[in-house]
Amino acid sequence: MIQLFGVSQVFAGRAGSVEALRDIDLKIAEGEFVAVVGRSGCGKSTLLRLVAGLIPPTEGEIQVGDERVTRPRRDIAMLFQRPALLPWRTVLDNVLLPAEIFKLDRSAVRARAADLLEMVGLGGFEKRLPHELSGGMQQRVALCRSLLARPRVLLMDEPFAALDALTREDLSTELQRIHMETRATIMFVTHAIDEAVLLADRVVVLSPRPGRIVEILDIDIPRPRSLGRTAHLDQVATARAELHELLMRRESAPV
C-alpha cells in the first residue's frame, strides 16, 4: 500500500542546510498499522508530510497504491496533534467539512458522518460547538472528519500528545477498535512507547537526525491490547522494554 524507496529529505535555509531524513526504505501493507518513533527532531513528522504529498522528497520516491505521490490526494487523510476544528461550526458541520473540500454530495455523506460520531461515542453531540467539548472529544471529532471520505491511508502525527494520560489511553483503545472495523492503512507518529505497543502491528524506530531506520519491531500481540492486567501483560511488557532499549541507544550517524 505505502512504499518508500531511498527517500531522503534536506531542507535548505539561510543558516545552511538540514538533513532531516536519509535513505528511507519502507513498505507498509494494506490495512497495516505502523507506528514511527524516535527522538525529537529525527524527522518523524517530515516523513508523514512526505507520504501525504505536502512536500516533495529531495531524493527517492514514494508510492501509495502503486501510484507515485506528487501532491495531496483525496485517498490520504492526515490527523494532527491539535484537532483544528472550526469554532463557529457545529460538531456535525466540522465532520462534514471534507464534503465541501472534495465536492461530495453532502446529503449522501451526512449519514456516514452520523455513523462515525456514533462509533466514537459522540452520538447526540452533533449540534454542539467545539468549545463545549473536552480535548479528547474534540480529537474524536477530528478523527471522524479524517475518516469521512473513506481514505485508504490515514496519517496521524502525535494526535493524542496534548491530552492527559488517561484520555490518551482511552483514545488508544478507541483507535484500536476503529482500525479493526475500518481496516484503513495507518502511519502513526508518537513519542510514547506505550502508544506504539498498544496500537501498532510494527514499530519503525528512527535514529537521531538525520533520521534513518534503525530497526523495525514486530508487535505480535493479540488485539485488543491494554496496559492493564490481561492475559497478554507479559508480552506487552516485553515489547515495551525492547522498544525502550532501542530508543535509548546512542549510535553515531554514518558519514
C-alpha atoms as a PDB file:
ATOM      1  CA  MET A   1       0.000   0.000   0.000  1.00  0.00           C
ATOM      2  CA  ILE A   2       2.703   2.525   1.056  1.00  0.00           C
ATOM      3  CA  GLN A   3       6.206   2.185  -0.369  1.00  0.00           C
ATOM      4  CA  LEU A   4       9.222   4.424   0.148  1.00  0.00           C
ATOM      5  CA  PHE A   5      12.315   3.901  -1.992  1.00  0.00           C
ATOM      6  CA  GLY A   6      15.547   5.595  -0.910  1.00  0.00           C
ATOM      7  CA  VAL A   7      13.749   8.651   0.457  1.00  0.00           C
ATOM      8  CA  SER A   8      15.939  11.468   1.774  1.00  0.00           C
ATOM      9  CA  GLN A   9      14.968  14.999   2.758  1.00  0.00           C
ATOM     10  CA  VAL A  10      17.197  18.059   3.068  1.00  0.00           C
ATOM     11  CA  PHE A  11      15.847  21.485   3.998  1.00  0.00           C
ATOM     12  CA  ALA A  12      17.829  24.494   2.769  1.00  0.00           C
ATOM     13  CA  GLY A  13      17.916  27.660   4.851  1.00  0.00           C
ATOM     14  CA  ARG A  14      19.847  30.878   5.281  1.00  0.00           C
ATOM     15  CA  ALA A  15      21.971  29.339   8.014  1.00  0.00           C
ATOM     16  CA  GLY A  16      22.715  26.255   5.935  1.00  0.00           C
ATOM     17  CA  SER A  17      21.017  23.010   5.034  1.00  0.00           C
ATOM     18  CA  VAL A  18      19.495  20.495   7.461  1.00  0.00           C
ATOM     19  CA  GLU A  19      19.369  16.813   6.576  1.00  0.00           C
ATOM     20  CA  ALA A  20      16.128  15.541   8.106  1.00  0.00           C
ATOM     21  CA  LEU A  21      15.900  12.022   6.648  1.00  0.00           C
ATOM     22  CA  ARG A  22      18.398   9.747   4.928  1.00  0.00           C
ATOM     23  CA  ASP A  23      17.776   6.791   2.636  1.00  0.00           C
ATOM     24  CA  ILE A  24      14.432   5.560   3.988  1.00  0.00           C
ATOM     25  CA  ASP A  25      13.213   2.262   2.516  1.00  0.00           C
ATOM     26  CA  LEU A  26       9.875   1.091   3.896  1.00  0.00           C
ATOM     27  CA  LYS A  27       6.885  -0.970   2.785  1.00  0.00           C
ATOM     28  CA  ILE A  28       3.558  -0.905   4.622  1.00  0.00           C
ATOM     29  CA  ALA A  29       0.887  -3.434   3.681  1.00  0.00           C
ATOM     30  CA  GLU A  30      -2.754  -2.587   3.118  1.00  0.00           C
ATOM     31  CA  GLY A  31      -4.654  -2.491   6.411  1.00  0.00           C
ATOM     32  CA  GLU A  32      -1.453  -2.434   8.481  1.00  0.00           C
ATOM     33  CA  PHE A  33      -0.951  -0.142  11.479  1.00  0.00           C
ATOM     34  CA  VAL A  34       2.646   1.101  11.637  1.00  0.00           C
ATOM     35  CA  ALA A  35       3.945   3.402  14.368  1.00  0.00           C
ATOM     36  CA  VAL A  36       7.008   5.609  13.865  1.00  0.00           C
ATOM     37  CA  VAL A  37       9.064   6.505  16.929  1.00  0.00           C
ATOM     38  CA  GLY A  38      12.320   8.307  17.611  1.00  0.00           C
ATOM     39  CA  ARG A  39      13.864  11.209  19.444  1.00  0.00           C
ATOM     40  CA  SER A  40      12.679  14.777  18.870  1.00  0.00           C
ATOM     41  CA  GLY A  41      13.948  16.210  15.602  1.00  0.00           C
ATOM     42  CA  CYS A  42      14.598  12.839  13.950  1.00  0.00           C
ATOM     43  CA  GLY A  43      12.231  13.518  11.035  1.00  0.00           C
ATOM     44  CA  LYS A  44       9.087  11.629  12.091  1.00  0.00           C
ATOM     45  CA  SER A  45       6.677  14.417  11.147  1.00  0.00           C
ATOM     46  CA  THR A  46       8.631  15.145   7.978  1.00  0.00           C
ATOM     47  CA  LEU A  47       8.153  11.515   6.973  1.00  0.00           C
ATOM     48  CA  LEU A  48       4.373  11.861   7.304  1.00  0.00           C
ATOM     49  CA  ARG A  49       4.341  15.113   5.327  1.00  0.00           C
ATOM     50  CA  LEU A  50       6.227  13.389   2.528  1.00  0.00           C
ATOM     51  CA  VAL A  51       3.769  10.489   2.388  1.00  0.00           C
ATOM     52  CA  ALA A  52       0.878  12.981   2.461  1.00  0.00           C
ATOM     53  CA  GLY A  53       2.311  14.756  -0.588  1.00  0.00           C
ATOM     54  CA  LEU A  54       2.637  18.047   1.300  1.00  0.00           C
ATOM     55  CA  ILE A  55       6.347  18.313   0.386  1.00  0.00           C
ATOM     56  CA  PRO A  56       8.405  16.559  -2.317  1.00  0.00           C
ATOM     57  CA  PRO A  57      11.360  14.362  -1.279  1.00  0.00           C
ATOM     58  CA  THR A  58      14.851  15.612  -2.060  1.00  0.00           C
ATOM     59  CA  GLU A  59      15.728  12.116  -3.224  1.00  0.00           C
ATOM     60  CA  GLY A  60      13.815   8.892  -3.717  1.00  0.00           C
ATOM     61  CA  GLU A  61      10.203   8.038  -4.481  1.00  0.00           C
ATOM     62  CA  ILE A  62       7.002   7.428  -2.525  1.00  0.00           C
ATOM     63  CA  GLN A  63       4.103   5.345  -3.784  1.00  0.00           C
ATOM     64  CA  VAL A  64       0.630   4.763  -2.378  1.00  0.00           C
ATOM     65  CA  GLY A  65      -1.374   2.038  -4.069  1.00  0.00           C
ATOM     66  CA  ASP A  66       1.286   1.742  -6.848  1.00  0.00           C
ATOM     67  CA  GLU A  67       0.856   5.425  -7.756  1.00  0.00           C
ATOM     68  CA  ARG A  68       3.609   7.925  -7.158  1.00  0.00           C
ATOM     69  CA  VAL A  69       2.797  10.586  -4.561  1.00  0.00           C
ATOM     70  CA  THR A  70       3.399  14.037  -6.031  1.00  0.00           C
ATOM     71  CA  ARG A  71       0.709  16.119  -4.299  1.00  0.00           C
ATOM     72  CA  PRO A  72      -2.003  15.825  -1.626  1.00  0.00           C
ATOM     73  CA  ARG A  73      -4.599  13.209  -2.512  1.00  0.00           C
ATOM     74  CA  ARG A  74      -8.171  12.561  -1.521  1.00  0.00           C
ATOM     75  CA  ASP A  75      -7.401   8.953  -0.518  1.00  0.00           C
ATOM     76  CA  ILE A  76      -4.784  10.111   2.033  1.00  0.00           C
ATOM     77  CA  ALA A  77      -6.021  11.829   5.209  1.00  0.00           C
ATOM     78  CA  MET A  78      -3.899  13.408   7.943  1.00  0.00           C
ATOM     79  CA  LEU A  79      -4.691  13.965  11.611  1.00  0.00           C
ATOM     80  CA  PHE A  80      -2.548  16.408  13.571  1.00  0.00           C
ATOM     81  CA  GLN A  81      -1.738  16.885  17.263  1.00  0.00           C
ATOM     82  CA  ARG A  82      -4.330  19.665  17.552  1.00  0.00           C
ATOM     83  CA  PRO A  83      -7.856  18.933  16.309  1.00  0.00           C
ATOM     84  CA  ALA A  84      -8.062  22.261  14.416  1.00  0.00           C
ATOM     85  CA  LEU A  85     -11.852  22.376  14.480  1.00  0.00           C
ATOM     86  CA  LEU A  86     -13.585  25.459  13.107  1.00  0.00           C
ATOM     87  CA  PRO A  87     -15.008  27.123  16.242  1.00  0.00           C
ATOM     88  CA  TRP A  88     -18.106  28.558  14.537  1.00  0.00           C
ATOM     89  CA  ARG A  89     -19.184  25.193  13.095  1.00  0.00           C
ATOM     90  CA  THR A  90     -21.087  22.504  14.955  1.00  0.00           C
ATOM     91  CA  VAL A  91     -19.617  19.065  15.546  1.00  0.00           C
ATOM     92  CA  LEU A  92     -21.532  17.656  12.588  1.00  0.00           C
ATOM     93  CA  ASP A  93     -20.559  20.513  10.287  1.00  0.00           C
ATOM     94  CA  ASN A  94     -16.889  20.086  11.245  1.00  0.00           C
ATOM     95  CA  VAL A  95     -17.065  16.389  10.354  1.00  0.00           C
ATOM     96  CA  LEU A  96     -18.745  17.259   7.045  1.00  0.00           C
ATOM     97  CA  LEU A  97     -16.007  19.734   6.038  1.00  0.00           C
ATOM     98  CA  PRO A  98     -14.289  17.266   3.624  1.00  0.00           C
ATOM     99  CA  ALA A  99     -17.578  17.003   1.725  1.00  0.00           C
ATOM    100  CA  GLU A 100     -17.187  20.679   0.828  1.00  0.00           C
ATOM    101  CA  ILE A 101     -13.481  20.443   0.071  1.00  0.00           C
ATOM    102  CA  PHE A 102     -13.845  17.383  -2.186  1.00  0.00           C
ATOM    103  CA  LYS A 103     -17.251  18.474  -3.518  1.00  0.00           C
ATOM    104  CA  LEU A 104     -19.018  15.361  -2.266  1.00  0.00           C
ATOM    105  CA  ASP A 105     -22.792  15.056  -2.086  1.00  0.00           C
ATOM    106  CA  ARG A 106     -23.367  16.434   1.414  1.00  0.00           C
ATOM    107  CA  SER A 107     -26.675  14.620   1.822  1.00  0.00           C
ATOM    108  CA  ALA A 108     -25.048  11.319   0.820  1.00  0.00           C
ATOM    109  CA  VAL A 109     -22.267  11.561   3.440  1.00  0.00           C
ATOM    110  CA  ARG A 110     -24.424  13.020   6.204  1.00  0.00           C
ATOM    111  CA  ALA A 111     -25.498   9.547   7.331  1.00  0.00           C
ATOM    112  CA  ARG A 112     -21.858   8.401   7.347  1.00  0.00           C
ATOM    113  CA  ALA A 113     -20.900  11.410   9.490  1.00  0.00           C
ATOM    114  CA  ALA A 114     -23.619  10.495  11.987  1.00  0.00           C
ATOM    115  CA  ASP A 115     -22.455   6.855  11.998  1.00  0.00           C
ATOM    116  CA  LEU A 116     -18.857   7.905  12.639  1.00  0.00           C
ATOM    117  CA  LEU A 117     -19.861  10.138  15.548  1.00  0.00           C
ATOM    118  CA  GLU A 118     -21.881   7.274  16.990  1.00  0.00           C
ATOM    119  CA  MET A 119     -18.903   4.946  16.563  1.00  0.00           C
ATOM    120  CA  VAL A 120     -16.638   7.205  18.653  1.00  0.00           C
ATOM    121  CA  GLY A 121     -19.249   7.783  21.358  1.00  0.00           C
ATOM    122  CA  LEU A 122     -20.375  11.254  20.264  1.00  0.00           C
ATOM    123  CA  GLY A 123     -23.903  10.443  19.197  1.00  0.00           C
ATOM    124  CA  GLY A 124     -26.142  13.253  20.431  1.00  0.00           C
ATOM    125  CA  PHE A 125     -23.349  15.866  20.260  1.00  0.00           C
ATOM    126  CA  GLU A 126     -23.924  16.761  16.606  1.00  0.00           C
ATOM    127  CA  LYS A 127     -25.156  20.314  17.345  1.00  0.00           C
ATOM    128  CA  ARG A 128     -22.538  21.182  19.962  1.00  0.00           C
ATOM    129  CA  LEU A 129     -19.787  23.711  19.239  1.00  0.00           C
ATOM    130  CA  PRO A 130     -16.107  22.788  19.758  1.00  0.00           C
ATOM    131  CA  HIS A 131     -15.717  24.936  22.890  1.00  0.00           C
ATOM    132  CA  GLU A 132     -18.414  22.830  24.557  1.00  0.00           C
ATOM    133  CA  LEU A 133     -16.297  19.674  24.224  1.00  0.00           C
ATOM    134  CA  SER A 134     -13.309  18.347  26.137  1.00  0.00           C
ATOM    135  CA  GLY A 135      -9.934  17.991  24.377  1.00  0.00           C
ATOM    136  CA  GLY A 136     -10.442  14.274  23.944  1.00  0.00           C
ATOM    137  CA  MET A 137     -13.906  14.779  22.464  1.00  0.00           C
ATOM    138  CA  GLN A 138     -12.558  17.384  20.049  1.00  0.00           C
ATOM    139  CA  GLN A 139      -9.906  14.961  18.833  1.00  0.00           C
ATOM    140  CA  ARG A 140     -12.607  12.327  18.275  1.00  0.00           C
ATOM    141  CA  VAL A 141     -14.436  14.837  16.070  1.00  0.00           C
ATOM    142  CA  ALA A 142     -11.213  15.453  14.119  1.00  0.00           C
ATOM    143  CA  LEU A 143     -10.797  11.683  13.706  1.00  0.00           C
ATOM    144  CA  CYS A 144     -14.338  11.385  12.324  1.00  0.00           C
ATOM    145  CA  ARG A 145     -13.611  14.225   9.914  1.00  0.00           C
ATOM    146  CA  SER A 146     -10.485  12.457   8.635  1.00  0.00           C
ATOM    147  CA  LEU A 147     -12.430   9.213   8.084  1.00  0.00           C
ATOM    148  CA  LEU A 148     -15.441  10.784   6.334  1.00  0.00           C
ATOM    149  CA  ALA A 149     -14.155  10.354   2.763  1.00  0.00           C
ATOM    150  CA  ARG A 150     -13.096   6.733   3.446  1.00  0.00           C
ATOM    151  CA  PRO A 151      -9.348   7.323   2.944  1.00  0.00           C
ATOM    152  CA  ARG A 152      -7.164   4.373   2.047  1.00  0.00           C
ATOM    153  CA  VAL A 153      -4.350   5.827   4.174  1.00  0.00           C
ATOM    154  CA  LEU A 154      -4.615   7.656   7.494  1.00  0.00           C
ATOM    155  CA  LEU A 155      -1.552   9.578   8.689  1.00  0.00           C
ATOM    156  CA  MET A 156      -1.558  10.553  12.376  1.00  0.00           C
ATOM    157  CA  ASP A 157       1.019  12.978  13.789  1.00  0.00           C
ATOM    158  CA  GLU A 158       1.019  12.592  17.590  1.00  0.00           C
ATOM    159  CA  PRO A 159      -2.767  13.075  17.728  1.00  0.00           C
ATOM    160  CA  PHE A 160      -3.045  12.353  21.464  1.00  0.00           C
ATOM    161  CA  ALA A 161       0.077  14.191  22.679  1.00  0.00           C
ATOM    162  CA  ALA A 162      -1.807  17.178  24.133  1.00  0.00           C
ATOM    163  CA  LEU A 163      -4.161  15.018  26.200  1.00  0.00           C
ATOM    164  CA  ASP A 164      -3.858  13.701  29.742  1.00  0.00           C
ATOM    165  CA  ALA A 165      -2.590  10.149  30.269  1.00  0.00           C
ATOM    166  CA  LEU A 166      -5.973   8.525  30.974  1.00  0.00           C
ATOM    167  CA  THR A 167      -7.630  10.193  27.982  1.00  0.00           C
ATOM    168  CA  ARG A 168      -4.721   9.117  25.779  1.00  0.00           C
ATOM    169  CA  GLU A 169      -5.122   5.503  26.845  1.00  0.00           C
ATOM    170  CA  ASP A 170      -8.874   5.729  26.337  1.00  0.00           C
ATOM    171  CA  LEU A 171      -8.454   7.070  22.807  1.00  0.00           C
ATOM    172  CA  SER A 172      -5.760   4.488  22.058  1.00  0.00           C
ATOM    173  CA  THR A 173      -8.278   1.785  22.942  1.00  0.00           C
ATOM    174  CA  GLU A 174     -10.870   3.525  20.763  1.00  0.00           C
ATOM    175  CA  LEU A 175      -8.441   3.777  17.838  1.00  0.00           C
ATOM    176  CA  GLN A 176      -7.675   0.051  18.079  1.00  0.00           C
ATOM    177  CA  ARG A 177     -11.350  -0.703  17.700  1.00  0.00           C
ATOM    178  CA  ILE A 178     -11.803   1.756  14.820  1.00  0.00           C
ATOM    179  CA  HIS A 179      -8.812   0.300  12.994  1.00  0.00           C
ATOM    180  CA  MET A 180     -10.167  -3.230  13.366  1.00  0.00           C
ATOM    181  CA  GLU A 181     -13.506  -2.050  11.948  1.00  0.00           C
ATOM    182  CA  THR A 182     -12.294   0.183   9.078  1.00  0.00           C
ATOM    183  CA  ARG A 183      -9.039  -1.633   8.177  1.00  0.00           C
ATOM    184  CA  ALA A 184      -7.514   1.644   6.985  1.00  0.00           C
ATOM    185  CA  THR A 185      -3.748   1.664   6.479  1.00  0.00           C
ATOM    186  CA  ILE A 186      -2.328   3.819   9.286  1.00  0.00           C
ATOM    187  CA  MET A 187       1.026   5.516   9.904  1.00  0.00           C
ATOM    188  CA  PHE A 188       1.123   6.860  13.451  1.00  0.00           C
ATOM    189  CA  VAL A 189       3.886   9.112  14.768  1.00  0.00           C
ATOM    190  CA  THR A 190       4.347   9.113  18.529  1.00  0.00           C
ATOM    191  CA  HIS A 191       6.895   9.781  21.273  1.00  0.00           C
ATOM    192  CA  ALA A 192       5.047   7.422  23.614  1.00  0.00           C
ATOM    193  CA  ILE A 193       6.327   3.860  23.819  1.00  0.00           C
ATOM    194  CA  ASP A 194       3.067   2.676  25.380  1.00  0.00           C
ATOM    195  CA  GLU A 195       1.031   4.046  22.464  1.00  0.00           C
ATOM    196  CA  ALA A 196       3.255   2.347  19.922  1.00  0.00           C
ATOM    197  CA  VAL A 197       2.970  -1.032  21.667  1.00  0.00           C
ATOM    198  CA  LEU A 198      -0.794  -0.750  22.189  1.00  0.00           C
ATOM    199  CA  LEU A 199      -1.574   0.274  18.618  1.00  0.00           C
ATOM    200  CA  ALA A 200       0.939  -0.956  16.086  1.00  0.00           C
ATOM    201  CA  ASP A 201       1.482  -4.116  14.093  1.00  0.00           C
ATOM    202  CA  ARG A 202       5.052  -2.912  13.554  1.00  0.00           C
ATOM    203  CA  VAL A 203       7.091  -0.072  15.053  1.00  0.00           C
ATOM    204  CA  VAL A 204       9.645   1.769  12.926  1.00  0.00           C
ATOM    205  CA  VAL A 205      12.474   3.163  15.066  1.00  0.00           C
ATOM    206  CA  LEU A 206      14.299   6.170  13.610  1.00  0.00           C
ATOM    207  CA  SER A 207      17.798   7.289  14.558  1.00  0.00           C
ATOM    208  CA  PRO A 208      18.582  10.850  15.675  1.00  0.00           C
ATOM    209  CA  ARG A 209      18.843  13.316  12.786  1.00  0.00           C
ATOM    210  CA  PRO A 210      19.286  12.539  10.018  1.00  0.00           C
ATOM    211  CA  GLY A 211      16.508  10.041  10.572  1.00  0.00           C
ATOM    212  CA  ARG A 212      17.368   6.545   9.355  1.00  0.00           C
ATOM    213  CA  ILE A 213      15.569   3.302  10.082  1.00  0.00           C
ATOM    214  CA  VAL A 214      17.431   1.664  12.967  1.00  0.00           C
ATOM    215  CA  GLU A 215      15.042  -1.250  13.421  1.00  0.00           C
ATOM    216  CA  ILE A 216      11.515  -2.386  12.662  1.00  0.00           C
ATOM    217  CA  LEU A 217       9.964  -4.174  15.631  1.00  0.00           C
ATOM    218  CA  ASP A 218       7.075  -6.600  15.132  1.00  0.00           C
ATOM    219  CA  ILE A 219       4.358  -6.352  17.808  1.00  0.00           C
ATOM    220  CA  ASP A 220       2.801  -9.816  17.637  1.00  0.00           C
ATOM    221  CA  ILE A 221       0.266  -9.419  20.445  1.00  0.00           C
ATOM    222  CA  PRO A 222      -3.449 -10.267  20.066  1.00  0.00           C
ATOM    223  CA  ARG A 223      -5.906  -7.367  19.996  1.00  0.00           C
ATOM    224  CA  PRO A 224      -7.447  -5.578  21.742  1.00  0.00           C
ATOM    225  CA  ARG A 225      -4.424  -4.670  23.856  1.00  0.00           C
ATOM    226  CA  SER A 226      -4.269  -2.981  27.223  1.00  0.00           C
ATOM    227  CA  LEU A 227      -1.673  -1.791  29.731  1.00  0.00           C
ATOM    228  CA  GLY A 228      -3.793  -3.337  32.478  1.00  0.00           C
ATOM    229  CA  ARG A 229      -3.825  -6.870  33.813  1.00  0.00           C
ATOM    230  CA  THR A 230      -4.678  -9.100  30.869  1.00  0.00           C
ATOM    231  CA  ALA A 231      -3.582 -12.486  29.586  1.00  0.00           C
ATOM    232  CA  HIS A 232      -1.028 -10.689  27.389  1.00  0.00           C
ATOM    233  CA  LEU A 233       0.523  -8.485  30.074  1.00  0.00           C
ATOM    234  CA  ASP A 234       3.929 -10.201  29.844  1.00  0.00           C
ATOM    235  CA  GLN A 235       4.036  -9.772  26.053  1.00  0.00           C
ATOM    236  CA  VAL A 236       3.154  -6.088  26.336  1.00  0.00           C
ATOM    237  CA  ALA A 237       5.838  -5.560  28.994  1.00  0.00           C
ATOM    238  CA  THR A 238       8.466  -7.342  26.882  1.00  0.00           C
ATOM    239  CA  ALA A 239       7.650  -5.268  23.793  1.00  0.00           C
ATOM    240  CA  ARG A 240       7.773  -2.041  25.837  1.00  0.00           C
ATOM    241  CA  ALA A 241      11.187  -2.979  27.260  1.00  0.00           C
ATOM    242  CA  GLU A 242      12.609  -3.887  23.845  1.00  0.00           C
ATOM    243  CA  LEU A 243      11.367  -0.660  22.291  1.00  0.00           C
ATOM    244  CA  HIS A 244      12.738   1.364  25.212  1.00  0.00           C
ATOM    245  CA  GLU A 245      16.186  -0.191  24.743  1.00  0.00           C
ATOM    246  CA  LEU A 246      16.152   0.577  21.013  1.00  0.00           C
ATOM    247  CA  LEU A 247      15.290   4.222  21.662  1.00  0.00           C
ATOM    248  CA  MET A 248      17.939   4.582  24.365  1.00  0.00           C
ATOM    249  CA  ARG A 249      20.759   3.539  22.063  1.00  0.00           C
ATOM    250  CA  ARG A 250      23.014   6.427  21.146  1.00  0.00           C
ATOM    251  CA  GLU A 251      24.640   5.414  17.912  1.00  0.00           C
ATOM    252  CA  SER A 252      26.801   7.584  15.726  1.00  0.00           C
ATOM    253  CA  ALA A 253      25.297   8.704  12.464  1.00  0.00           C
ATOM    254  CA  PRO A 254      27.212   7.417   9.418  1.00  0.00           C
ATOM    255  CA  VAL A 255      29.065   9.951   7.258  1.00  0.00           C
END
